[in-house]
Amino acid sequence: MQPDAVIPTMLTFVVGILFVSLIHAAVIKFFERKLTFGQAYLIVVVTTIVSGTLLAVYTSARPLLGFSETLDLLANLAALVLMGFMITRLAANYGIKKQGRFSLGTKVMFTMLLMVLIFMIALAGVILLLGGGLS
């Protein structure tokens, strides 16, 4: 990466974290009404920074260490599991206990995956309706 490209990249990373955290915090607030939106947002910002930083380090180190690109799916899955685990653990600091079969982090991560899937299907439908191809 060029030295003059570091600042725009970091700015994009920070803005992305703050925006995605809003959506995650709304999902947490939906599942756990005891938390304030500020508490939910703080939980998600911390988990997103940690997992995003780990993914950025992995992505930067992968070519240097000679890892195959097929490990990317596994690394992303590990980051997803880490985020769910951290959400559950940080919510426990606010007195939120696991109720039922799934923890808060699991519910949030499954919901976010479902939202992304729905968005991708809708986007593909719009592209097809406008006459574009899905190549």
N, C-alpha and C. Protein backbone atom coordinates (compact mmCIF):
# COMPACT_ATOMS: atom_id res chain seq x y z
N MET A 1 0.85 -1.18 0.00
CA MET A 1 0.00 0.00 0.00
C MET A 1 0.88 1.23 0.00
N GLN A 2 0.53 2.18 -0.82
CA GLN A 2 1.28 3.43 -0.91
C GLN A 2 1.12 4.24 0.36
N PRO A 3 2.16 4.95 0.79
CA PRO A 3 2.05 5.74 2.03
C PRO A 3 0.97 6.81 1.98
N ASP A 4 0.73 7.39 0.81
CA ASP A 4 -0.30 8.42 0.72
C ASP A 4 -1.71 7.84 0.69
N ALA A 5 -1.84 6.53 0.57
CA ALA A 5 -3.16 5.89 0.57
C ALA A 5 -3.58 5.39 1.95
N VAL A 6 -2.71 5.54 2.94
CA VAL A 6 -3.02 5.03 4.27
C VAL A 6 -4.13 5.83 4.92
N ILE A 7 -4.07 7.15 4.82
CA ILE A 7 -5.07 8.00 5.50
C ILE A 7 -6.47 7.77 4.94
N PRO A 8 -6.69 7.79 3.62
CA PRO A 8 -8.05 7.50 3.13
C PRO A 8 -8.52 6.08 3.48
N THR A 9 -7.62 5.13 3.50
CA THR A 9 -7.99 3.77 3.86
C THR A 9 -8.41 3.70 5.32
N MET A 10 -7.66 4.32 6.20
CA MET A 10 -8.01 4.33 7.63
C MET A 10 -9.32 5.08 7.86
N LEU A 11 -9.53 6.18 7.14
CA LEU A 11 -10.77 6.95 7.28
C LEU A 11 -11.96 6.11 6.83
N THR A 12 -11.82 5.40 5.74
CA THR A 12 -12.87 4.51 5.26
C THR A 12 -13.15 3.40 6.27
N PHE A 13 -12.10 2.86 6.87
CA PHE A 13 -12.23 1.81 7.88
C PHE A 13 -13.01 2.32 9.09
N VAL A 14 -12.67 3.51 9.57
CA VAL A 14 -13.33 4.07 10.76
C VAL A 14 -14.79 4.40 10.46
N VAL A 15 -15.05 5.04 9.33
CA VAL A 15 -16.44 5.38 8.97
C VAL A 15 -17.26 4.11 8.77
N GLY A 16 -16.67 3.09 8.16
CA GLY A 16 -17.35 1.81 7.99
C GLY A 16 -17.69 1.17 9.31
N ILE A 17 -16.76 1.21 10.25
CA ILE A 17 -17.02 0.64 11.58
C ILE A 17 -18.16 1.37 12.25
N LEU A 18 -18.15 2.70 12.20
CA LEU A 18 -19.19 3.47 12.87
C LEU A 18 -20.56 3.25 12.24
N PHE A 19 -20.63 3.13 10.92
CA PHE A 19 -21.91 2.91 10.24
C PHE A 19 -22.45 1.50 10.48
N VAL A 20 -21.61 0.50 10.30
CA VAL A 20 -22.05 -0.88 10.49
C VAL A 20 -22.43 -1.11 11.96
N SER A 21 -21.75 -0.43 12.86
CA SER A 21 -22.07 -0.57 14.28
C SER A 21 -23.46 -0.05 14.61
N LEU A 22 -23.92 0.96 13.89
CA LEU A 22 -25.29 1.45 14.10
C LEU A 22 -26.32 0.36 13.80
N ILE A 23 -26.11 -0.35 12.71
CA ILE A 23 -27.04 -1.41 12.32
C ILE A 23 -26.99 -2.55 13.34
N HIS A 24 -25.77 -2.95 13.73
CA HIS A 24 -25.63 -4.01 14.72
C HIS A 24 -26.26 -3.61 16.05
N ALA A 25 -26.05 -2.36 16.46
CA ALA A 25 -26.61 -1.90 17.74
C ALA A 25 -28.13 -1.93 17.71
N ALA A 26 -28.72 -1.59 16.57
CA ALA A 26 -30.18 -1.66 16.45
C ALA A 26 -30.68 -3.10 16.57
N VAL A 27 -29.92 -4.04 16.01
CA VAL A 27 -30.31 -5.45 16.13
C VAL A 27 -30.16 -5.93 17.57
N ILE A 28 -29.08 -5.52 18.24
CA ILE A 28 -28.91 -5.88 19.65
C ILE A 28 -30.06 -5.30 20.47
N LYS A 29 -30.39 -4.05 20.23
CA LYS A 29 -31.47 -3.39 20.97
C LYS A 29 -32.80 -4.11 20.71
N PHE A 30 -33.01 -4.62 19.51
CA PHE A 30 -34.22 -5.36 19.19
C PHE A 30 -34.33 -6.63 20.05
N PHE A 31 -33.20 -7.35 20.21
CA PHE A 31 -33.22 -8.60 20.95
C PHE A 31 -33.13 -8.39 22.46
N GLU A 32 -32.49 -7.34 22.90
CA GLU A 32 -32.29 -7.12 24.33
C GLU A 32 -32.72 -5.71 24.71
N ARG A 33 -33.92 -5.61 25.19
CA ARG A 33 -34.51 -4.30 25.50
C ARG A 33 -33.92 -3.67 26.76
N LYS A 34 -33.27 -4.46 27.62
CA LYS A 34 -32.70 -3.92 28.85
C LYS A 34 -31.52 -2.98 28.59
N LEU A 35 -30.82 -3.22 27.49
CA LEU A 35 -29.68 -2.38 27.16
C LEU A 35 -30.14 -1.06 26.55
N THR A 36 -29.43 0.01 26.85
CA THR A 36 -29.69 1.27 26.15
C THR A 36 -29.03 1.19 24.78
N PHE A 37 -29.41 2.08 23.89
CA PHE A 37 -28.81 2.08 22.57
C PHE A 37 -27.32 2.40 22.67
N GLY A 38 -26.96 3.28 23.59
CA GLY A 38 -25.55 3.63 23.78
C GLY A 38 -24.72 2.44 24.23
N GLN A 39 -25.27 1.64 25.14
CA GLN A 39 -24.57 0.44 25.59
C GLN A 39 -24.41 -0.56 24.45
N ALA A 40 -25.48 -0.76 23.69
CA ALA A 40 -25.42 -1.68 22.55
C ALA A 40 -24.41 -1.19 21.52
N TYR A 41 -24.40 0.12 21.28
CA TYR A 41 -23.46 0.69 20.30
C TYR A 41 -22.02 0.52 20.78
N LEU A 42 -21.77 0.74 22.06
CA LEU A 42 -20.42 0.57 22.61
C LEU A 42 -19.96 -0.87 22.48
N ILE A 43 -20.83 -1.81 22.78
CA ILE A 43 -20.50 -3.23 22.65
C ILE A 43 -20.09 -3.54 21.21
N VAL A 44 -20.89 -3.05 20.27
CA VAL A 44 -20.63 -3.38 18.87
C VAL A 44 -19.38 -2.67 18.34
N VAL A 45 -19.15 -1.44 18.76
CA VAL A 45 -17.94 -0.74 18.29
C VAL A 45 -16.69 -1.50 18.75
N VAL A 46 -16.68 -1.92 19.99
CA VAL A 46 -15.52 -2.66 20.50
C VAL A 46 -15.33 -3.96 19.73
N THR A 47 -16.40 -4.72 19.55
CA THR A 47 -16.27 -6.01 18.86
C THR A 47 -15.90 -5.83 17.39
N THR A 48 -16.45 -4.80 16.76
CA THR A 48 -16.13 -4.55 15.35
C THR A 48 -14.69 -4.11 15.17
N ILE A 49 -14.20 -3.27 16.08
CA ILE A 49 -12.80 -2.84 15.99
C ILE A 49 -11.86 -4.03 16.16
N VAL A 50 -12.15 -4.87 17.15
CA VAL A 50 -11.27 -6.02 17.40
C VAL A 50 -11.29 -6.98 16.21
N SER A 51 -12.47 -7.38 15.77
CA SER A 51 -12.54 -8.35 14.66
C SER A 51 -12.06 -7.73 13.35
N GLY A 52 -12.39 -6.47 13.11
CA GLY A 52 -11.93 -5.80 11.89
C GLY A 52 -10.42 -5.65 11.84
N THR A 53 -9.83 -5.34 12.98
CA THR A 53 -8.38 -5.22 13.05
C THR A 53 -7.71 -6.57 12.82
N LEU A 54 -8.27 -7.62 13.43
CA LEU A 54 -7.71 -8.95 13.21
C LEU A 54 -7.82 -9.38 11.75
N LEU A 55 -8.96 -9.07 11.12
CA LEU A 55 -9.10 -9.41 9.69
C LEU A 55 -8.15 -8.58 8.83
N ALA A 56 -7.94 -7.32 9.18
CA ALA A 56 -7.01 -6.48 8.43
C ALA A 56 -5.57 -6.99 8.56
N VAL A 57 -5.21 -7.42 9.76
CA VAL A 57 -3.87 -7.98 9.97
C VAL A 57 -3.72 -9.28 9.17
N TYR A 58 -4.75 -10.12 9.21
CA TYR A 58 -4.71 -11.38 8.44
C TYR A 58 -4.57 -11.10 6.95
N THR A 59 -5.38 -10.15 6.45
CA THR A 59 -5.34 -9.83 5.02
C THR A 59 -3.99 -9.26 4.61
N SER A 60 -3.39 -8.46 5.47
CA SER A 60 -2.08 -7.89 5.16
C SER A 60 -0.97 -8.94 5.24
N ALA A 61 -1.09 -9.85 6.19
CA ALA A 61 -0.03 -10.84 6.39
C ALA A 61 -0.15 -12.06 5.49
N ARG A 62 -1.32 -12.28 4.91
CA ARG A 62 -1.54 -13.48 4.10
C ARG A 62 -0.54 -13.62 2.95
N PRO A 63 -0.31 -12.57 2.15
CA PRO A 63 0.67 -12.75 1.06
C PRO A 63 2.10 -12.95 1.57
N LEU A 64 2.43 -12.29 2.68
CA LEU A 64 3.78 -12.42 3.21
C LEU A 64 4.05 -13.81 3.79
N LEU A 65 3.03 -14.40 4.37
CA LEU A 65 3.18 -15.72 4.97
C LEU A 65 2.89 -16.86 4.01
N GLY A 66 2.39 -16.52 2.83
CA GLY A 66 2.13 -17.53 1.81
C GLY A 66 0.87 -18.34 2.04
N PHE A 67 -0.09 -17.77 2.78
CA PHE A 67 -1.36 -18.47 2.99
C PHE A 67 -2.18 -18.47 1.71
N SER A 68 -2.93 -19.52 1.50
CA SER A 68 -3.78 -19.64 0.33
C SER A 68 -5.03 -18.75 0.49
N GLU A 69 -5.59 -18.34 -0.62
CA GLU A 69 -6.80 -17.53 -0.57
C GLU A 69 -8.00 -18.34 -0.10
N THR A 70 -7.89 -19.64 -0.11
CA THR A 70 -9.00 -20.47 0.36
C THR A 70 -9.20 -20.36 1.87
N LEU A 71 -8.22 -19.86 2.58
CA LEU A 71 -8.35 -19.66 4.02
C LEU A 71 -9.17 -18.41 4.36
N ASP A 72 -9.48 -17.58 3.37
CA ASP A 72 -10.24 -16.35 3.63
C ASP A 72 -11.62 -16.65 4.21
N LEU A 73 -12.28 -17.67 3.68
CA LEU A 73 -13.60 -18.03 4.20
C LEU A 73 -13.50 -18.45 5.66
N LEU A 74 -12.49 -19.22 5.99
CA LEU A 74 -12.30 -19.66 7.36
C LEU A 74 -11.98 -18.48 8.28
N ALA A 75 -11.16 -17.54 7.80
CA ALA A 75 -10.82 -16.36 8.61
C ALA A 75 -12.06 -15.49 8.84
N ASN A 76 -12.88 -15.32 7.82
CA ASN A 76 -14.10 -14.54 7.99
C ASN A 76 -15.09 -15.22 8.93
N LEU A 77 -15.18 -16.53 8.84
CA LEU A 77 -16.04 -17.29 9.74
C LEU A 77 -15.55 -17.17 11.19
N ALA A 78 -14.23 -17.23 11.37
CA ALA A 78 -13.65 -17.07 12.71
C ALA A 78 -13.94 -15.67 13.26
N ALA A 79 -13.87 -14.65 12.41
CA ALA A 79 -14.17 -13.29 12.86
C ALA A 79 -15.65 -13.17 13.24
N LEU A 80 -16.51 -13.83 12.51
CA LEU A 80 -17.94 -13.81 12.82
C LEU A 80 -18.22 -14.48 14.16
N VAL A 81 -17.61 -15.62 14.39
CA VAL A 81 -17.77 -16.32 15.66
C VAL A 81 -17.19 -15.49 16.80
N LEU A 82 -16.04 -14.87 16.57
CA LEU A 82 -15.42 -14.03 17.58
C LEU A 82 -16.33 -12.85 17.95
N MET A 83 -16.93 -12.23 16.93
CA MET A 83 -17.84 -11.11 17.20
C MET A 83 -19.04 -11.56 18.03
N GLY A 84 -19.63 -12.69 17.68
CA GLY A 84 -20.77 -13.20 18.44
C GLY A 84 -20.39 -13.51 19.87
N PHE A 85 -19.23 -14.13 20.06
CA PHE A 85 -18.76 -14.44 21.41
C PHE A 85 -18.52 -13.17 22.22
N MET A 86 -17.88 -12.18 21.60
CA MET A 86 -17.58 -10.94 22.31
C MET A 86 -18.85 -10.16 22.66
N ILE A 87 -19.83 -10.18 21.75
CA ILE A 87 -21.10 -9.51 22.05
C ILE A 87 -21.74 -10.14 23.28
N THR A 88 -21.76 -11.46 23.32
CA THR A 88 -22.34 -12.16 24.46
C THR A 88 -21.59 -11.84 25.75
N ARG A 89 -20.26 -11.86 25.70
CA ARG A 89 -19.45 -11.61 26.89
C ARG A 89 -19.56 -10.16 27.36
N LEU A 90 -19.55 -9.21 26.44
CA LEU A 90 -19.66 -7.80 26.83
C LEU A 90 -21.06 -7.47 27.33
N ALA A 91 -22.07 -8.10 26.77
CA ALA A 91 -23.44 -7.88 27.26
C ALA A 91 -23.60 -8.44 28.67
N ALA A 92 -22.84 -9.48 29.00
CA ALA A 92 -22.90 -10.05 30.36
C ALA A 92 -22.41 -9.03 31.38
N ASN A 93 -21.53 -8.11 30.97
CA ASN A 93 -21.09 -7.05 31.88
C ASN A 93 -22.23 -6.12 32.27
N TYR A 94 -23.26 -6.05 31.45
CA TYR A 94 -24.43 -5.23 31.74
C TYR A 94 -25.56 -6.05 32.35
N GLY A 95 -25.28 -7.28 32.75
CA GLY A 95 -26.27 -8.11 33.41
C GLY A 95 -27.16 -8.92 32.48
N ILE A 96 -26.79 -9.04 31.22
CA ILE A 96 -27.58 -9.79 30.26
C ILE A 96 -27.12 -11.25 30.29
N LYS A 97 -28.02 -12.13 30.61
CA LYS A 97 -27.71 -13.56 30.68
C LYS A 97 -28.29 -14.29 29.48
N LYS A 98 -27.70 -15.42 29.16
CA LYS A 98 -28.20 -16.24 28.05
C LYS A 98 -29.55 -16.81 28.44
N GLN A 99 -30.53 -16.59 27.58
CA GLN A 99 -31.86 -17.13 27.81
C GLN A 99 -32.24 -17.99 26.61
N GLY A 100 -32.62 -19.20 26.87
CA GLY A 100 -33.01 -20.08 25.78
C GLY A 100 -31.82 -20.75 25.14
N ARG A 101 -32.01 -21.16 23.91
CA ARG A 101 -31.02 -21.95 23.21
C ARG A 101 -29.84 -21.14 22.71
N PHE A 102 -30.09 -19.93 22.22
CA PHE A 102 -29.04 -19.13 21.60
C PHE A 102 -28.71 -17.90 22.45
N SER A 103 -27.44 -17.53 22.44
CA SER A 103 -27.02 -16.34 23.17
C SER A 103 -27.32 -15.10 22.34
N LEU A 104 -27.14 -13.93 22.95
CA LEU A 104 -27.39 -12.67 22.25
C LEU A 104 -26.48 -12.52 21.03
N GLY A 105 -25.21 -12.86 21.18
CA GLY A 105 -24.27 -12.75 20.06
C GLY A 105 -24.65 -13.63 18.89
N THR A 106 -25.12 -14.84 19.17
CA THR A 106 -25.54 -15.75 18.12
C THR A 106 -26.75 -15.20 17.37
N LYS A 107 -27.72 -14.69 18.12
CA LYS A 107 -28.91 -14.11 17.49
C LYS A 107 -28.55 -12.93 16.60
N VAL A 108 -27.66 -12.08 17.10
CA VAL A 108 -27.27 -10.89 16.32
C VAL A 108 -26.53 -11.30 15.05
N MET A 109 -25.59 -12.23 15.15
CA MET A 109 -24.81 -12.63 13.98
C MET A 109 -25.68 -13.33 12.94
N PHE A 110 -26.60 -14.21 13.38
CA PHE A 110 -27.51 -14.86 12.42
C PHE A 110 -28.43 -13.83 11.76
N THR A 111 -28.90 -12.87 12.52
CA THR A 111 -29.76 -11.83 11.95
C THR A 111 -29.01 -10.99 10.94
N MET A 112 -27.78 -10.63 11.25
CA MET A 112 -26.99 -9.83 10.30
C MET A 112 -26.69 -10.62 9.03
N LEU A 113 -26.39 -11.91 9.16
CA LEU A 113 -26.18 -12.74 7.97
C LEU A 113 -27.43 -12.81 7.11
N LEU A 114 -28.58 -12.95 7.76
CA LEU A 114 -29.85 -13.00 7.03
C LEU A 114 -30.11 -11.66 6.33
N MET A 115 -29.82 -10.55 7.00
CA MET A 115 -30.03 -9.24 6.39
C MET A 115 -29.12 -9.04 5.17
N VAL A 116 -27.87 -9.49 5.28
CA VAL A 116 -26.95 -9.38 4.14
C VAL A 116 -27.42 -10.26 2.99
N LEU A 117 -27.89 -11.46 3.28
CA LEU A 117 -28.40 -12.36 2.25
C LEU A 117 -29.60 -11.75 1.53
N ILE A 118 -30.53 -11.19 2.30
CA ILE A 118 -31.71 -10.55 1.70
C ILE A 118 -31.29 -9.36 0.84
N PHE A 119 -30.32 -8.57 1.32
CA PHE A 119 -29.84 -7.42 0.55
C PHE A 119 -29.20 -7.88 -0.76
N MET A 120 -28.41 -8.95 -0.72
CA MET A 120 -27.76 -9.43 -1.93
C MET A 120 -28.77 -9.97 -2.94
N ILE A 121 -29.80 -10.67 -2.46
CA ILE A 121 -30.84 -11.18 -3.35
C ILE A 121 -31.62 -10.02 -3.97
N ALA A 122 -31.95 -9.01 -3.16
CA ALA A 122 -32.68 -7.85 -3.68
C ALA A 122 -31.84 -7.10 -4.71
N LEU A 123 -30.55 -6.94 -4.43
CA LEU A 123 -29.66 -6.25 -5.37
C LEU A 123 -29.54 -7.02 -6.68
N ALA A 124 -29.44 -8.34 -6.60
CA ALA A 124 -29.38 -9.16 -7.81
C ALA A 124 -30.69 -9.04 -8.59
N GLY A 125 -31.82 -9.00 -7.89
CA GLY A 125 -33.11 -8.82 -8.56
C GLY A 125 -33.22 -7.49 -9.27
N VAL A 126 -32.74 -6.42 -8.65
CA VAL A 126 -32.77 -5.10 -9.28
C VAL A 126 -31.88 -5.09 -10.51
N ILE A 127 -30.72 -5.68 -10.41
CA ILE A 127 -29.80 -5.74 -11.56
C ILE A 127 -30.44 -6.50 -12.70
N LEU A 128 -31.09 -7.61 -12.41
CA LEU A 128 -31.76 -8.40 -13.46
C LEU A 128 -32.92 -7.62 -14.07
N LEU A 129 -33.69 -6.91 -13.24
CA LEU A 129 -34.81 -6.13 -13.75
C LEU A 129 -34.36 -4.99 -14.65
N LEU A 130 -33.20 -4.43 -14.37
CA LEU A 130 -32.68 -3.34 -15.18
C LEU A 130 -31.99 -3.83 -16.44
N GLY A 131 -31.97 -5.14 -16.63
CA GLY A 131 -31.43 -5.68 -17.87
C GLY A 131 -29.94 -6.02 -17.81
N GLY A 132 -29.33 -5.90 -16.66
CA GLY A 132 -27.93 -6.24 -16.53
C GLY A 132 -27.75 -7.73 -16.33
N GLY A 133 -26.56 -8.16 -16.47
CA GLY A 133 -26.23 -9.56 -16.21
C GLY A 133 -25.63 -9.71 -14.84
N LEU A 134 -25.58 -10.93 -14.36
CA LEU A 134 -24.98 -11.20 -13.06
C LEU A 134 -23.59 -11.80 -13.20
N SER A 135 -22.85 -11.39 -14.19
CA SER A 135 -21.53 -11.97 -14.43
C SER A 135 -20.50 -11.53 -13.44
